[in-house]
């Protein structure tokens, strides 16, 4: 679980530069809630702002499965408006970099 541990450490310390190293510039981020996708190179500036703002909290974070090809995570996030979501993240890995990331989220009461 090398990638997961290192990514978690970067997220926990809000170290965007280290976290960003795990993503290929052409990584596709797919959001199932909206059916939209965006390239990491187009999304990373917004992600940096979200991460560094301190307004988004990971209340729980765990690795479901990881090997050289895939990383599956589950987390519970709290957003600035106070809502919480349970999030599954599936990340496809090639040559040590994430090339595709898909999320599914459910609002929590």
PDB file of N, CA and C in Angstrom:
ATOM      1  N   UNK A   1       0.830  -1.195   0.000  1.00  0.00           N
ATOM      2  CA  UNK A   1       0.000   0.000   0.000  1.00  0.00           C
ATOM      3  C   UNK A   1       0.873   1.258   0.000  1.00  0.00           C
ATOM      4  N   UNK A   2       1.882   1.230  -0.807  1.00  0.00           N
ATOM      5  CA  UNK A   2       2.825   2.341  -0.815  1.00  0.00           C
ATOM      6  C   UNK A   2       2.182   3.650  -1.275  1.00  0.00           C
ATOM      7  N   UNK A   3       1.468   3.652  -2.383  1.00  0.00           N
ATOM      8  CA  UNK A   3       0.879   4.894  -2.882  1.00  0.00           C
ATOM      9  C   UNK A   3      -0.150   5.418  -1.886  1.00  0.00           C
ATOM     10  N   UNK A   4      -1.009   4.541  -1.384  1.00  0.00           N
ATOM     11  CA  UNK A   4      -2.033   4.984  -0.438  1.00  0.00           C
ATOM     12  C   UNK A   4      -1.396   5.669   0.771  1.00  0.00           C
ATOM     13  N   UNK A   5      -0.425   5.035   1.383  1.00  0.00           N
ATOM     14  CA  UNK A   5       0.200   5.597   2.593  1.00  0.00           C
ATOM     15  C   UNK A   5       0.819   6.964   2.317  1.00  0.00           C
ATOM     16  N   UNK A   6       1.511   7.076   1.205  1.00  0.00           N
ATOM     17  CA  UNK A   6       2.155   8.349   0.874  1.00  0.00           C
ATOM     18  C   UNK A   6       1.133   9.435   0.541  1.00  0.00           C
ATOM     19  N   UNK A   7       0.072   9.053  -0.174  1.00  0.00           N
ATOM     20  CA  UNK A   7      -0.981  10.025  -0.488  1.00  0.00           C
ATOM     21  C   UNK A   7      -1.701  10.470   0.779  1.00  0.00           C
ATOM     22  N   UNK A   8      -1.978   9.550   1.681  1.00  0.00           N
ATOM     23  CA  UNK A   8      -2.645   9.883   2.940  1.00  0.00           C
ATOM     24  C   UNK A   8      -1.786  10.846   3.749  1.00  0.00           C
ATOM     25  N   UNK A   9      -0.502  10.577   3.808  1.00  0.00           N
ATOM     26  CA  UNK A   9       0.413  11.461   4.534  1.00  0.00           C
ATOM     27  C   UNK A   9       0.382  12.871   3.936  1.00  0.00           C
ATOM     28  N   UNK A  10       0.402  12.957   2.613  1.00  0.00           N
ATOM     29  CA  UNK A  10       0.351  14.267   1.942  1.00  0.00           C
ATOM     30  C   UNK A  10      -0.979  14.968   2.209  1.00  0.00           C
ATOM     31  N   UNK A  11      -2.082  14.226   2.163  1.00  0.00           N
ATOM     32  CA  UNK A  11      -3.390  14.832   2.457  1.00  0.00           C
ATOM     33  C   UNK A  11      -3.470  15.286   3.906  1.00  0.00           C
ATOM     34  N   UNK A  12      -3.000  14.449   4.820  1.00  0.00           N
ATOM     35  CA  UNK A  12      -3.074  14.777   6.249  1.00  0.00           C
ATOM     36  C   UNK A  12      -2.272  16.031   6.581  1.00  0.00           C
ATOM     37  N   UNK A  13      -1.185  16.250   5.871  1.00  0.00           N
ATOM     38  CA  UNK A  13      -0.343  17.429   6.114  1.00  0.00           C
ATOM     39  C   UNK A  13      -0.656  18.569   5.143  1.00  0.00           C
ATOM     40  N   UNK A  14      -1.690  18.342   4.301  1.00  0.00           N
ATOM     41  CA  UNK A  14      -2.114  19.329   3.291  1.00  0.00           C
ATOM     42  C   UNK A  14      -0.942  19.747   2.387  1.00  0.00           C
ATOM     43  N   UNK A  15      -0.137  18.747   2.010  1.00  0.00           N
ATOM     44  CA  UNK A  15       1.010  18.975   1.138  1.00  0.00           C
ATOM     45  C   UNK A  15       0.598  18.672  -0.307  1.00  0.00           C
ATOM     46  N   UNK A  16       0.072  19.663  -0.969  1.00  0.00           N
ATOM     47  CA  UNK A  16      -0.437  19.480  -2.323  1.00  0.00           C
ATOM     48  C   UNK A  16       0.666  19.084  -3.295  1.00  0.00           C
ATOM     49  N   UNK A  17       1.845  19.676  -3.178  1.00  0.00           N
ATOM     50  CA  UNK A  17       2.918  19.384  -4.131  1.00  0.00           C
ATOM     51  C   UNK A  17       3.278  17.897  -4.120  1.00  0.00           C
ATOM     52  N   UNK A  18       3.366  17.314  -2.941  1.00  0.00           N
ATOM     53  CA  UNK A  18       3.661  15.880  -2.846  1.00  0.00           C
ATOM     54  C   UNK A  18       2.501  15.065  -3.396  1.00  0.00           C
ATOM     55  N   UNK A  19       1.271  15.414  -3.023  1.00  0.00           N
ATOM     56  CA  UNK A  19       0.100  14.693  -3.514  1.00  0.00           C
ATOM     57  C   UNK A  19       0.020  14.744  -5.037  1.00  0.00           C
ATOM     58  N   UNK A  20       0.298  15.887  -5.597  1.00  0.00           N
ATOM     59  CA  UNK A  20       0.202  16.080  -7.041  1.00  0.00           C
ATOM     60  C   UNK A  20       1.154  15.170  -7.819  1.00  0.00           C
ATOM     61  N   UNK A  21       2.252  14.795  -7.211  1.00  0.00           N
ATOM     62  CA  UNK A  21       3.236  13.936  -7.883  1.00  0.00           C
ATOM     63  C   UNK A  21       2.675  12.555  -8.222  1.00  0.00           C
ATOM     64  N   UNK A  22       1.607  12.135  -7.574  1.00  0.00           N
ATOM     65  CA  UNK A  22       1.026  10.816  -7.818  1.00  0.00           C
ATOM     66  C   UNK A  22       0.124  10.785  -9.041  1.00  0.00           C
ATOM     67  N   UNK A  23      -0.229  11.952  -9.578  1.00  0.00           N
ATOM     68  CA  UNK A  23      -1.159  12.026 -10.701  1.00  0.00           C
ATOM     69  C   UNK A  23      -0.445  12.331 -12.008  1.00  0.00           C
ATOM     70  N   UNK A  24      -0.759  11.565 -13.029  1.00  0.00           N
ATOM     71  CA  UNK A  24      -0.281  11.864 -14.370  1.00  0.00           C
ATOM     72  C   UNK A  24      -1.011  13.111 -14.850  1.00  0.00           C
ATOM     73  N   UNK A  25      -0.349  13.998 -15.574  1.00  0.00           N
ATOM     74  CA  UNK A  25      -0.998  15.229 -16.044  1.00  0.00           C
ATOM     75  C   UNK A  25      -2.234  14.948 -16.889  1.00  0.00           C
ATOM     76  N   UNK A  26      -2.270  13.806 -17.566  1.00  0.00           N
ATOM     77  CA  UNK A  26      -3.426  13.452 -18.396  1.00  0.00           C
ATOM     78  C   UNK A  26      -4.430  12.570 -17.650  1.00  0.00           C
ATOM     79  N   UNK A  27      -4.291  12.484 -16.323  1.00  0.00           N
ATOM     80  CA  UNK A  27      -5.230  11.712 -15.515  1.00  0.00           C
ATOM     81  C   UNK A  27      -6.632  12.273 -15.714  1.00  0.00           C
ATOM     82  N   UNK A  28      -7.593  11.371 -15.881  1.00  0.00           N
ATOM     83  CA  UNK A  28      -8.997  11.756 -16.042  1.00  0.00           C
ATOM     84  C   UNK A  28      -9.707  11.533 -14.715  1.00  0.00           C
ATOM     85  N   UNK A  29     -10.386  12.568 -14.244  1.00  0.00           N
ATOM     86  CA  UNK A  29     -11.170  12.506 -13.015  1.00  0.00           C
ATOM     87  C   UNK A  29     -12.647  12.455 -13.409  1.00  0.00           C
ATOM     88  N   UNK A  30     -13.314  11.336 -13.081  1.00  0.00           N
ATOM     89  CA  UNK A  30     -14.718  11.117 -13.442  1.00  0.00           C
ATOM     90  C   UNK A  30     -15.566  11.209 -12.176  1.00  0.00           C
ATOM     91  N   UNK A  31     -16.567  12.088 -12.209  1.00  0.00           N
ATOM     92  CA  UNK A  31     -17.489  12.227 -11.078  1.00  0.00           C
ATOM     93  C   UNK A  31     -18.825  11.591 -11.454  1.00  0.00           C
ATOM     94  N   UNK A  32     -19.163  10.518 -10.765  1.00  0.00           N
ATOM     95  CA  UNK A  32     -20.392   9.793 -11.098  1.00  0.00           C
ATOM     96  C   UNK A  32     -21.654  10.569 -10.756  1.00  0.00           C
ATOM     97  N   UNK A  33     -21.581  11.461  -9.745  1.00  0.00           N
ATOM     98  CA  UNK A  33     -22.773  12.224  -9.373  1.00  0.00           C
ATOM     99  C   UNK A  33     -23.265  13.082 -10.534  1.00  0.00           C
ATOM    100  N   UNK A  34     -22.313  13.645 -11.291  1.00  0.00           N
ATOM    101  CA  UNK A  34     -22.677  14.559 -12.366  1.00  0.00           C
ATOM    102  C   UNK A  34     -22.460  13.961 -13.749  1.00  0.00           C
ATOM    103  N   UNK A  35     -21.734  12.845 -13.819  1.00  0.00           N
ATOM    104  CA  UNK A  35     -21.439  12.246 -15.110  1.00  0.00           C
ATOM    105  C   UNK A  35     -20.402  13.030 -15.904  1.00  0.00           C
ATOM    106  N   UNK A  36     -19.697  13.914 -15.230  1.00  0.00           N
ATOM    107  CA  UNK A  36     -18.703  14.738 -15.914  1.00  0.00           C
ATOM    108  C   UNK A  36     -17.301  14.198 -15.670  1.00  0.00           C
ATOM    109  N   UNK A  37     -16.379  14.596 -16.531  1.00  0.00           N
ATOM    110  CA  UNK A  37     -14.977  14.246 -16.335  1.00  0.00           C
ATOM    111  C   UNK A  37     -14.115  15.458 -16.672  1.00  0.00           C
ATOM    112  N   UNK A  38     -12.941  15.478 -16.059  1.00  0.00           N
ATOM    113  CA  UNK A  38     -12.025  16.590 -16.254  1.00  0.00           C
ATOM    114  C   UNK A  38     -10.597  16.053 -16.145  1.00  0.00           C
ATOM    115  N   UNK A  39      -9.681  16.653 -16.876  1.00  0.00           N
ATOM    116  CA  UNK A  39      -8.269  16.270 -16.786  1.00  0.00           C
ATOM    117  C   UNK A  39      -7.655  16.836 -15.514  1.00  0.00           C
ATOM    118  N   UNK A  40      -6.763  16.067 -14.914  1.00  0.00           N
ATOM    119  CA  UNK A  40      -6.063  16.519 -13.712  1.00  0.00           C
ATOM    120  C   UNK A  40      -5.374  17.856 -13.969  1.00  0.00           C
ATOM    121  N   UNK A  41      -4.771  18.011 -15.126  1.00  0.00           N
ATOM    122  CA  UNK A  41      -4.057  19.258 -15.434  1.00  0.00           C
ATOM    123  C   UNK A  41      -4.995  20.463 -15.412  1.00  0.00           C
ATOM    124  N   UNK A  42      -6.298  20.248 -15.674  1.00  0.00           N
ATOM    125  CA  UNK A  42      -7.277  21.340 -15.622  1.00  0.00           C
ATOM    126  C   UNK A  42      -7.894  21.502 -14.235  1.00  0.00           C
ATOM    127  N   UNK A  43      -7.848  20.463 -13.414  1.00  0.00           N
ATOM    128  CA  UNK A  43      -8.510  20.462 -12.119  1.00  0.00           C
ATOM    129  C   UNK A  43      -7.568  20.763 -10.953  1.00  0.00           C
ATOM    130  N   UNK A  44      -6.266  20.557 -11.146  1.00  0.00           N
ATOM    131  CA  UNK A  44      -5.351  20.588 -10.007  1.00  0.00           C
ATOM    132  C   UNK A  44      -5.280  21.942  -9.306  1.00  0.00           C
ATOM    133  N   UNK A  45      -5.488  23.034 -10.012  1.00  0.00           N
ATOM    134  CA  UNK A  45      -5.439  24.346  -9.353  1.00  0.00           C
ATOM    135  C   UNK A  45      -6.611  24.508  -8.385  1.00  0.00           C
ATOM    136  N   UNK A  46      -7.799  24.052  -8.794  1.00  0.00           N
ATOM    137  CA  UNK A  46      -8.961  24.084  -7.898  1.00  0.00           C
ATOM    138  C   UNK A  46      -8.769  23.122  -6.727  1.00  0.00           C
ATOM    139  N   UNK A  47      -8.194  21.958  -7.003  1.00  0.00           N
ATOM    140  CA  UNK A  47      -7.959  20.976  -5.944  1.00  0.00           C
ATOM    141  C   UNK A  47      -6.974  21.528  -4.921  1.00  0.00           C
ATOM    142  N   UNK A  48      -5.935  22.215  -5.394  1.00  0.00           N
ATOM    143  CA  UNK A  48      -4.965  22.834  -4.473  1.00  0.00           C
ATOM    144  C   UNK A  48      -5.683  23.823  -3.556  1.00  0.00           C
ATOM    145  N   UNK A  49      -6.522  24.667  -4.121  1.00  0.00           N
ATOM    146  CA  UNK A  49      -7.235  25.669  -3.324  1.00  0.00           C
ATOM    147  C   UNK A  49      -8.141  24.998  -2.294  1.00  0.00           C
ATOM    148  N   UNK A  50      -8.836  23.935  -2.698  1.00  0.00           N
ATOM    149  CA  UNK A  50      -9.697  23.202  -1.769  1.00  0.00           C
ATOM    150  C   UNK A  50      -8.869  22.606  -0.633  1.00  0.00           C
ATOM    151  N   UNK A  51      -7.774  21.978  -0.984  1.00  0.00           N
ATOM    152  CA  UNK A  51      -6.936  21.298  -0.003  1.00  0.00           C
ATOM    153  C   UNK A  51      -6.296  22.279   0.971  1.00  0.00           C
ATOM    154  N   UNK A  52      -5.786  23.360   0.451  1.00  0.00           N
ATOM    155  CA  UNK A  52      -5.072  24.316   1.287  1.00  0.00           C
ATOM    156  C   UNK A  52      -6.000  25.215   2.097  1.00  0.00           C
ATOM    157  N   UNK A  53      -7.282  25.275   1.722  1.00  0.00           N
ATOM    158  CA  UNK A  53      -8.224  26.136   2.442  1.00  0.00           C
ATOM    159  C   UNK A  53      -8.496  25.641   3.858  1.00  0.00           C
ATOM    160  N   UNK A  54      -8.350  24.325   4.077  1.00  0.00           N
ATOM    161  CA  UNK A  54      -8.644  23.768   5.388  1.00  0.00           C
ATOM    162  C   UNK A  54     -10.127  23.650   5.671  1.00  0.00           C
ATOM    163  N   UNK A  55     -10.963  23.914   4.680  1.00  0.00           N
ATOM    164  CA  UNK A  55     -12.417  23.884   4.874  1.00  0.00           C
ATOM    165  C   UNK A  55     -13.035  22.527   4.561  1.00  0.00           C
ATOM    166  N   UNK A  56     -12.251  21.615   4.038  1.00  0.00           N
ATOM    167  CA  UNK A  56     -12.725  20.280   3.694  1.00  0.00           C
ATOM    168  C   UNK A  56     -12.033  19.291   4.633  1.00  0.00           C
ATOM    169  N   UNK A  57     -12.816  18.529   5.370  1.00  0.00           N
ATOM    170  CA  UNK A  57     -12.246  17.606   6.349  1.00  0.00           C
ATOM    171  C   UNK A  57     -12.512  16.168   5.966  1.00  0.00           C
ATOM    172  N   UNK A  58     -11.471  15.348   6.021  1.00  0.00           N
ATOM    173  CA  UNK A  58     -11.632  13.903   5.880  1.00  0.00           C
ATOM    174  C   UNK A  58     -11.815  13.367   7.286  1.00  0.00           C
ATOM    175  N   UNK A  59     -13.024  12.917   7.580  1.00  0.00           N
ATOM    176  CA  UNK A  59     -13.329  12.416   8.911  1.00  0.00           C
ATOM    177  C   UNK A  59     -12.872  10.982   9.094  1.00  0.00           C
ATOM    178  N   UNK A  60     -12.783  10.255   7.982  1.00  0.00           N
ATOM    179  CA  UNK A  60     -12.348   8.868   7.992  1.00  0.00           C
ATOM    180  C   UNK A  60     -11.748   8.570   6.630  1.00  0.00           C
ATOM    181  N   UNK A  61     -10.710   7.752   6.638  1.00  0.00           N
ATOM    182  CA  UNK A  61      -9.995   7.469   5.404  1.00  0.00           C
ATOM    183  C   UNK A  61      -9.415   6.066   5.515  1.00  0.00           C
ATOM    184  N   UNK A  62      -9.677   5.206   4.522  1.00  0.00           N
ATOM    185  CA  UNK A  62      -9.087   3.868   4.563  1.00  0.00           C
ATOM    186  C   UNK A  62      -8.877   3.326   3.162  1.00  0.00           C
ATOM    187  N   UNK A  63      -7.894   2.458   3.066  1.00  0.00           N
ATOM    188  CA  UNK A  63      -7.603   1.772   1.818  1.00  0.00           C
ATOM    189  C   UNK A  63      -8.396   0.473   1.797  1.00  0.00           C
ATOM    190  N   UNK A  64      -9.189   0.286   0.752  1.00  0.00           N
ATOM    191  CA  UNK A  64      -9.941  -0.954   0.576  1.00  0.00           C
ATOM    192  C   UNK A  64      -9.056  -1.999  -0.100  1.00  0.00           C
ATOM    193  N   UNK A  65      -8.331  -1.540  -1.144  1.00  0.00           N
ATOM    194  CA  UNK A  65      -7.481  -2.453  -1.906  1.00  0.00           C
ATOM    195  C   UNK A  65      -6.454  -1.641  -2.678  1.00  0.00           C
ATOM    196  N   UNK A  66      -5.241  -2.182  -2.777  1.00  0.00           N
ATOM    197  CA  UNK A  66      -4.212  -1.538  -3.596  1.00  0.00           C
ATOM    198  C   UNK A  66      -3.265  -2.593  -4.146  1.00  0.00           C
ATOM    199  N   UNK A  67      -2.940  -2.446  -5.428  1.00  0.00           N
ATOM    200  CA  UNK A  67      -1.844  -3.187  -6.035  1.00  0.00           C
ATOM    201  C   UNK A  67      -1.183  -2.252  -7.050  1.00  0.00           C
ATOM    202  N   UNK A  68      -0.370  -2.759  -7.948  1.00  0.00           N
ATOM    203  CA  UNK A  68       0.334  -1.899  -8.902  1.00  0.00           C
ATOM    204  C   UNK A  68      -0.578  -1.286  -9.958  1.00  0.00           C
ATOM    205  N   UNK A  69      -1.812  -1.787 -10.075  1.00  0.00           N
ATOM    206  CA  UNK A  69      -2.723  -1.341 -11.125  1.00  0.00           C
ATOM    207  C   UNK A  69      -3.920  -0.530 -10.629  1.00  0.00           C
ATOM    208  N   UNK A  70      -4.271  -0.666  -9.351  1.00  0.00           N
ATOM    209  CA  UNK A  70      -5.495  -0.034  -8.861  1.00  0.00           C
ATOM    210  C   UNK A  70      -5.364   0.309  -7.372  1.00  0.00           C
ATOM    211  N   UNK A  71      -6.020   1.397  -6.997  1.00  0.00           N
ATOM    212  CA  UNK A  71      -6.130   1.797  -5.596  1.00  0.00           C
ATOM    213  C   UNK A  71      -7.594   2.145  -5.347  1.00  0.00           C
ATOM    214  N   UNK A  72      -8.203   1.487  -4.359  1.00  0.00           N
ATOM    215  CA  UNK A  72      -9.596   1.746  -4.012  1.00  0.00           C
ATOM    216  C   UNK A  72      -9.625   2.264  -2.575  1.00  0.00           C
ATOM    217  N   UNK A  73     -10.229   3.440  -2.402  1.00  0.00           N
ATOM    218  CA  UNK A  73     -10.300   4.070  -1.089  1.00  0.00           C
ATOM    219  C   UNK A  73     -11.744   4.348  -0.699  1.00  0.00           C
ATOM    220  N   UNK A  74     -11.974   4.427   0.596  1.00  0.00           N
ATOM    221  CA  UNK A  74     -13.263   4.877   1.128  1.00  0.00           C
ATOM    222  C   UNK A  74     -12.965   5.979   2.138  1.00  0.00           C
ATOM    223  N   UNK A  75     -13.716   7.052   2.057  1.00  0.00           N
ATOM    224  CA  UNK A  75     -13.539   8.131   3.022  1.00  0.00           C
ATOM    225  C   UNK A  75     -14.880   8.765   3.347  1.00  0.00           C
ATOM    226  N   UNK A  76     -14.900   9.468   4.443  1.00  0.00           N
ATOM    227  CA  UNK A  76     -16.047  10.303   4.799  1.00  0.00           C
ATOM    228  C   UNK A  76     -15.531  11.727   4.858  1.00  0.00           C
ATOM    229  N   UNK A  77     -16.177  12.582   4.083  1.00  0.00           N
ATOM    230  CA  UNK A  77     -15.755  13.976   3.985  1.00  0.00           C
ATOM    231  C   UNK A  77     -16.815  14.896   4.579  1.00  0.00           C
ATOM    232  N   UNK A  78     -16.333  15.977   5.226  1.00  0.00           N
ATOM    233  CA  UNK A  78     -17.232  17.044   5.652  1.00  0.00           C
ATOM    234  C   UNK A  78     -16.871  18.275   4.823  1.00  0.00           C
ATOM    235  N   UNK A  79     -17.896  18.902   4.261  1.00  0.00           N
ATOM    236  CA  UNK A  79     -17.722  20.040   3.370  1.00  0.00           C
ATOM    237  C   UNK A  79     -17.996  21.353   4.109  1.00  0.00           C
ATOM    238  N   UNK A  80     -17.585  22.476   3.527  1.00  0.00           N
ATOM    239  CA  UNK A  80     -17.737  23.771   4.205  1.00  0.00           C
ATOM    240  C   UNK A  80     -19.165  24.094   4.651  1.00  0.00           C
ATOM    241  N   UNK A  81     -20.161  23.552   3.958  1.00  0.00           N
ATOM    242  CA  UNK A  81     -21.547  23.831   4.348  1.00  0.00           C
ATOM    243  C   UNK A  81     -22.042  22.905   5.459  1.00  0.00           C
ATOM    244  N   UNK A  82     -21.155  22.035   5.967  1.00  0.00           N
ATOM    245  CA  UNK A  82     -21.504  21.138   7.061  1.00  0.00           C
ATOM    246  C   UNK A  82     -22.013  19.781   6.629  1.00  0.00           C
ATOM    247  N   UNK A  83     -22.262  19.590   5.335  1.00  0.00           N
ATOM    248  CA  UNK A  83     -22.745  18.289   4.864  1.00  0.00           C
ATOM    249  C   UNK A  83     -21.608  17.273   4.881  1.00  0.00           C
ATOM    250  N   UNK A  84     -21.999  16.010   4.964  1.00  0.00           N
ATOM    251  CA  UNK A  84     -21.035  14.913   4.940  1.00  0.00           C
ATOM    252  C   UNK A  84     -21.398  13.946   3.827  1.00  0.00           C
ATOM    253  N   UNK A  85     -20.360  13.352   3.223  1.00  0.00           N
ATOM    254  CA  UNK A  85     -20.565  12.352   2.184  1.00  0.00           C
ATOM    255  C   UNK A  85     -19.643  11.166   2.412  1.00  0.00           C
ATOM    256  N   UNK A  86     -20.164   9.981   2.116  1.00  0.00           N
ATOM    257  CA  UNK A  86     -19.358   8.778   2.080  1.00  0.00           C
ATOM    258  C   UNK A  86     -18.886   8.630   0.635  1.00  0.00           C
ATOM    259  N   UNK A  87     -17.579   8.519   0.443  1.00  0.00           N
ATOM    260  CA  UNK A  87     -17.009   8.571  -0.908  1.00  0.00           C
ATOM    261  C   UNK A  87     -16.151   7.337  -1.179  1.00  0.00           C
ATOM    262  N   UNK A  88     -16.405   6.723  -2.326  1.00  0.00           N
ATOM    263  CA  UNK A  88     -15.551   5.645  -2.826  1.00  0.00           C
ATOM    264  C   UNK A  88     -14.742   6.224  -3.981  1.00  0.00           C
ATOM    265  N   UNK A  89     -13.436   5.971  -3.966  1.00  0.00           N
ATOM    266  CA  UNK A  89     -12.556   6.477  -5.021  1.00  0.00           C
ATOM    267  C   UNK A  89     -11.802   5.283  -5.613  1.00  0.00           C
ATOM    268  N   UNK A  90     -11.941   5.097  -6.914  1.00  0.00           N
ATOM    269  CA  UNK A  90     -11.225   4.041  -7.622  1.00  0.00           C
ATOM    270  C   UNK A  90     -10.210   4.726  -8.528  1.00  0.00           C
ATOM    271  N   UNK A  91      -8.942   4.373  -8.344  1.00  0.00           N
ATOM    272  CA  UNK A  91      -7.861   5.022  -9.084  1.00  0.00           C
ATOM    273  C   UNK A  91      -7.062   3.974  -9.847  1.00  0.00           C
ATOM    274  N   UNK A  92      -6.988   4.143 -11.155  1.00  0.00           N
ATOM    275  CA  UNK A  92      -6.229   3.238 -12.008  1.00  0.00           C
ATOM    276  C   UNK A  92      -4.801   3.757 -12.094  1.00  0.00           C
ATOM    277  N   UNK A  93      -3.836   2.857 -11.972  1.00  0.00           N
ATOM    278  CA  UNK A  93      -2.426   3.225 -11.890  1.00  0.00           C
ATOM    279  C   UNK A  93      -1.655   2.611 -13.057  1.00  0.00           C
ATOM    280  N   UNK A  94      -0.813   3.429 -13.666  1.00  0.00           N
ATOM    281  CA  UNK A  94       0.120   2.951 -14.693  1.00  0.00           C
ATOM    282  C   UNK A  94       1.474   3.568 -14.420  1.00  0.00           C
ATOM    283  N   UNK A  95       2.505   2.738 -14.366  1.00  0.00           N
ATOM    284  CA  UNK A  95       3.871   3.196 -14.125  1.00  0.00           C
ATOM    285  C   UNK A  95       3.976   4.075 -12.881  1.00  0.00           C
ATOM    286  N   UNK A  96       3.230   3.703 -11.826  1.00  0.00           N
ATOM    287  CA  UNK A  96       3.306   4.406 -10.557  1.00  0.00           C
ATOM    288  C   UNK A  96       2.546   5.712 -10.474  1.00  0.00           C
ATOM    289  N   UNK A  97       1.810   6.060 -11.532  1.00  0.00           N
ATOM    290  CA  UNK A  97       1.037   7.308 -11.545  1.00  0.00           C
ATOM    291  C   UNK A  97      -0.446   6.987 -11.744  1.00  0.00           C
ATOM    292  N   UNK A  98      -1.297   7.779 -11.125  1.00  0.00           N
ATOM    293  CA  UNK A  98      -2.738   7.615 -11.290  1.00  0.00           C
ATOM    294  C   UNK A  98      -3.130   8.213 -12.635  1.00  0.00           C
ATOM    295  N   UNK A  99      -3.776   7.397 -13.473  1.00  0.00           N
ATOM    296  CA  UNK A  99      -4.160   7.845 -14.811  1.00  0.00           C
ATOM    297  C   UNK A  99      -5.670   8.025 -14.957  1.00  0.00           C
ATOM    298  N   UNK A 100      -6.433   7.455 -14.022  1.00  0.00           N
ATOM    299  CA  UNK A 100      -7.896   7.606 -14.053  1.00  0.00           C
ATOM    300  C   UNK A 100      -8.400   7.492 -12.624  1.00  0.00           C
ATOM    301  N   UNK A 101      -9.283   8.398 -12.262  1.00  0.00           N
ATOM    302  CA  UNK A 101      -9.853   8.396 -10.916  1.00  0.00           C
ATOM    303  C   UNK A 101     -11.358   8.574 -11.052  1.00  0.00           C
ATOM    304  N   UNK A 102     -12.113   7.660 -10.457  1.00  0.00           N
ATOM    305  CA  UNK A 102     -13.565   7.739 -10.488  1.00  0.00           C
ATOM    306  C   UNK A 102     -14.083   7.772  -9.059  1.00  0.00           C
ATOM    307  N   UNK A 103     -15.076   8.623  -8.823  1.00  0.00           N
ATOM    308  CA  UNK A 103     -15.646   8.720  -7.482  1.00  0.00           C
ATOM    309  C   UNK A 103     -17.142   8.469  -7.516  1.00  0.00           C
ATOM    310  N   UNK A 104     -17.610   7.935  -6.439  1.00  0.00           N
ATOM    311  CA  UNK A 104     -19.039   7.815  -6.186  1.00  0.00           C
ATOM    312  C   UNK A 104     -19.272   8.289  -4.773  1.00  0.00           C
ATOM    313  N   UNK A 105     -20.320   9.056  -4.561  1.00  0.00           N
ATOM    314  CA  UNK A 105     -20.560   9.627  -3.230  1.00  0.00           C
ATOM    315  C   UNK A 105     -22.028   9.511  -2.854  1.00  0.00           C
ATOM    316  N   UNK A 106     -22.236   9.320  -1.564  1.00  0.00           N
ATOM    317  CA  UNK A 106     -23.592   9.300  -1.006  1.00  0.00           C
ATOM    318  C   UNK A 106     -23.642  10.280   0.149  1.00  0.00           C
ATOM    319  N   UNK A 107     -24.656  11.143   0.141  1.00  0.00           N
ATOM    320  CA  UNK A 107     -24.828  12.068   1.255  1.00  0.00           C
ATOM    321  C   UNK A 107     -25.175  11.293   2.513  1.00  0.00           C
ATOM    322  N   UNK A 108     -24.659  11.781   3.633  1.00  0.00           N
ATOM    323  CA  UNK A 108     -24.932  11.152   4.915  1.00  0.00           C
ATOM    324  C   UNK A 108     -25.830  12.073   5.738  1.00  0.00           C
ATOM    325  N   UNK A 109     -26.753  11.482   6.419  1.00  0.00           N
ATOM    326  CA  UNK A 109     -27.665  12.258   7.282  1.00  0.00           C
ATOM    327  C   UNK A 109     -27.021  12.480   8.624  1.00  0.00           C
TER     328      UNK A 109
END
